[in-house]
Amino acid sequence: MTPDDSQVPAPSAPSAPEPLRRVARLGGLGGVALLVVAALAGWVVDGRAGVVGALLGVGIPLVFFGVTVLTAVLTARLTPRAMGAVVLGSWVVKMAALIGVLALIDGWDGWSRPVFFVCFAISVPAWLALEAWVVVKTRQPYTAPAP
């Protein structure tokens, strides 16, 4: 007796790889914690302008890297070529948006450039270190062996 099609379970679609989900989770939590600490430090250093500089200095990298991870998580079911194209396309859009944001705030005096620089210079390597740490600690093969 063979089961009909209604009784055969449908194959489940693969979920996003655990390392991507871990980077998204840890990066989001760490980014929010860093935003709070940076805002407090910015207030101590330069008042309201320091807070704005700190929020921009941590927020821009958090959004930039977060969108990359979110894009990779959402496209994990695509072929590697399609996933790469989407991630690369999002990167190009983010670079244009980053240049636009920096051009917009350049003439504005309501933020502290030194606080922004310090927070940005801490946030970017911190996120990259997190991604590297997650990849190094992952016990998942990068490629699937050929059958």
Protein backbone atom coordinates (compact mmCIF):
# COMPACT_ATOMS: atom_id res chain seq x y z
CA MET A 1 0.00 0.00 0.00
CA THR A 2 1.43 3.33 -1.01
CA PRO A 3 0.44 6.53 0.74
CA ASP A 4 -1.32 9.13 -1.31
CA ASP A 5 0.11 12.61 -1.67
CA SER A 6 -2.01 14.01 1.15
CA GLN A 7 -0.35 11.71 3.67
CA VAL A 8 3.24 12.40 2.67
CA PRO A 9 4.67 15.15 4.85
CA ALA A 10 5.93 18.13 2.94
CA PRO A 11 9.64 18.73 3.30
CA SER A 12 10.31 21.58 5.66
CA ALA A 13 12.20 24.53 4.30
CA PRO A 14 15.58 25.04 5.93
CA SER A 15 15.70 27.81 8.45
CA ALA A 16 18.39 30.46 8.61
CA PRO A 17 21.74 29.05 9.68
CA GLU A 18 22.34 29.23 13.43
CA PRO A 19 25.44 31.47 13.11
CA LEU A 20 23.40 34.14 11.33
CA ARG A 21 20.70 34.00 13.97
CA ARG A 22 23.32 34.14 16.72
CA VAL A 23 25.00 37.21 15.20
CA ALA A 24 21.60 38.91 14.84
CA ARG A 25 20.63 38.11 18.44
CA LEU A 26 23.95 38.96 20.09
CA GLY A 27 24.55 41.97 17.84
CA GLY A 28 21.13 43.39 18.58
CA LEU A 29 21.43 42.93 22.32
CA GLY A 30 25.01 44.18 22.41
CA GLY A 31 24.14 47.11 20.17
CA VAL A 32 21.30 48.24 22.41
CA ALA A 33 23.53 47.94 25.49
CA LEU A 34 26.29 49.89 23.72
CA LEU A 35 23.76 52.57 22.69
CA VAL A 36 22.77 53.11 26.33
CA VAL A 37 26.36 53.20 27.62
CA ALA A 38 27.51 55.46 24.77
CA ALA A 39 24.60 57.86 25.28
CA LEU A 40 25.41 58.17 28.98
CA ALA A 41 29.10 58.71 28.24
CA GLY A 42 28.20 61.23 25.53
CA TRP A 43 26.06 63.15 28.02
CA VAL A 44 28.96 63.31 30.47
CA VAL A 45 31.41 64.44 27.79
CA ASP A 46 29.35 66.95 25.81
CA GLY A 47 25.74 67.13 27.03
CA ARG A 48 22.97 66.85 24.47
CA ALA A 49 25.35 67.08 21.51
CA GLY A 50 27.36 64.21 22.99
CA VAL A 51 24.25 62.05 23.29
CA VAL A 52 23.34 62.72 19.67
CA GLY A 53 26.92 62.02 18.55
CA ALA A 54 26.97 58.78 20.55
CA LEU A 55 23.61 57.63 19.19
CA LEU A 56 24.74 58.33 15.64
CA GLY A 57 28.15 56.75 16.22
CA VAL A 58 26.66 53.50 17.51
CA GLY A 59 23.37 53.56 15.61
CA ILE A 60 24.78 53.90 12.11
CA PRO A 61 27.03 50.79 12.35
CA LEU A 62 24.30 48.89 14.19
CA VAL A 63 21.80 49.55 11.41
CA PHE A 64 24.41 49.01 8.67
CA PHE A 65 25.60 45.61 9.93
CA GLY A 66 22.18 44.63 11.21
CA VAL A 67 20.61 45.05 7.77
CA THR A 68 23.33 42.84 6.29
CA VAL A 69 22.68 40.06 8.81
CA LEU A 70 18.90 40.41 8.48
CA THR A 71 19.20 40.26 4.69
CA ALA A 72 21.33 37.11 4.95
CA VAL A 73 18.86 35.52 7.37
CA LEU A 74 15.89 36.32 5.14
CA THR A 75 17.62 35.06 1.98
CA ALA A 76 19.17 31.91 3.51
CA ARG A 77 16.74 29.72 1.57
CA LEU A 78 17.85 31.11 -1.78
CA THR A 79 20.66 29.72 -3.85
CA PRO A 80 24.10 30.99 -2.81
CA ARG A 81 24.28 33.08 -6.01
CA ALA A 82 20.91 34.74 -5.38
CA MET A 83 21.69 35.30 -1.70
CA GLY A 84 25.02 36.90 -2.62
CA ALA A 85 23.34 39.15 -5.16
CA VAL A 86 20.73 40.33 -2.64
CA VAL A 87 23.31 40.92 0.10
CA LEU A 88 25.59 42.78 -2.35
CA GLY A 89 22.66 44.87 -3.59
CA SER A 90 21.69 45.77 -0.04
CA TRP A 91 25.31 46.71 0.66
CA VAL A 92 25.35 49.13 -2.29
CA VAL A 93 22.09 50.72 -1.11
CA LYS A 94 23.46 51.00 2.44
CA MET A 95 26.66 52.66 1.24
CA ALA A 96 24.65 55.26 -0.69
CA ALA A 97 22.42 55.81 2.36
CA LEU A 98 25.46 56.15 4.64
CA ILE A 99 27.02 58.75 2.38
CA GLY A 100 23.69 60.58 2.26
CA VAL A 101 23.25 60.54 6.05
CA LEU A 102 26.80 61.75 6.66
CA ALA A 103 26.33 64.52 4.08
CA LEU A 104 23.08 65.59 5.74
CA ILE A 105 24.51 65.81 9.25
CA ASP A 106 27.81 67.38 8.18
CA GLY A 107 26.51 70.95 8.30
CA TRP A 108 24.47 70.42 11.45
CA ASP A 109 25.94 71.61 14.77
CA GLY A 110 23.66 69.59 17.05
CA TRP A 111 26.03 66.63 17.46
CA SER A 112 29.50 66.08 18.81
CA ARG A 113 31.95 64.95 16.14
CA PRO A 114 34.57 63.68 18.63
CA VAL A 115 31.97 61.59 20.50
CA PHE A 116 30.63 60.31 17.17
CA PHE A 117 34.12 59.32 16.06
CA VAL A 118 34.95 57.46 19.26
CA CYS A 119 31.62 55.61 19.30
CA PHE A 120 31.87 54.76 15.60
CA ALA A 121 35.48 53.62 16.02
CA ILE A 122 34.40 51.31 18.86
CA SER A 123 31.17 50.02 17.28
CA VAL A 124 32.54 48.91 13.91
CA PRO A 125 35.39 46.72 15.23
CA ALA A 126 33.11 45.39 18.00
CA TRP A 127 30.55 44.18 15.46
CA LEU A 128 33.23 42.70 13.20
CA ALA A 129 34.81 40.94 16.20
CA LEU A 130 31.40 39.52 17.14
CA GLU A 131 30.89 38.16 13.64
CA ALA A 132 34.40 36.66 13.61
CA TRP A 133 33.90 35.12 17.06
CA VAL A 134 30.60 33.51 16.03
CA VAL A 135 32.15 32.06 12.86
CA VAL A 136 35.17 30.69 14.75
CA LYS A 137 32.98 29.11 17.45
CA THR A 138 30.51 27.59 14.97
CA ARG A 139 30.66 23.84 14.71
CA GLN A 140 28.90 23.76 11.39
CA PRO A 141 30.53 22.87 8.07
CA TYR A 142 30.83 25.71 5.59
CA THR A 143 30.18 23.41 2.64
CA ALA A 144 28.14 20.29 2.15
CA PRO A 145 30.05 17.25 0.89
CA ALA A 146 29.08 15.99 -2.53
CA PRO A 147 26.91 12.84 -2.49
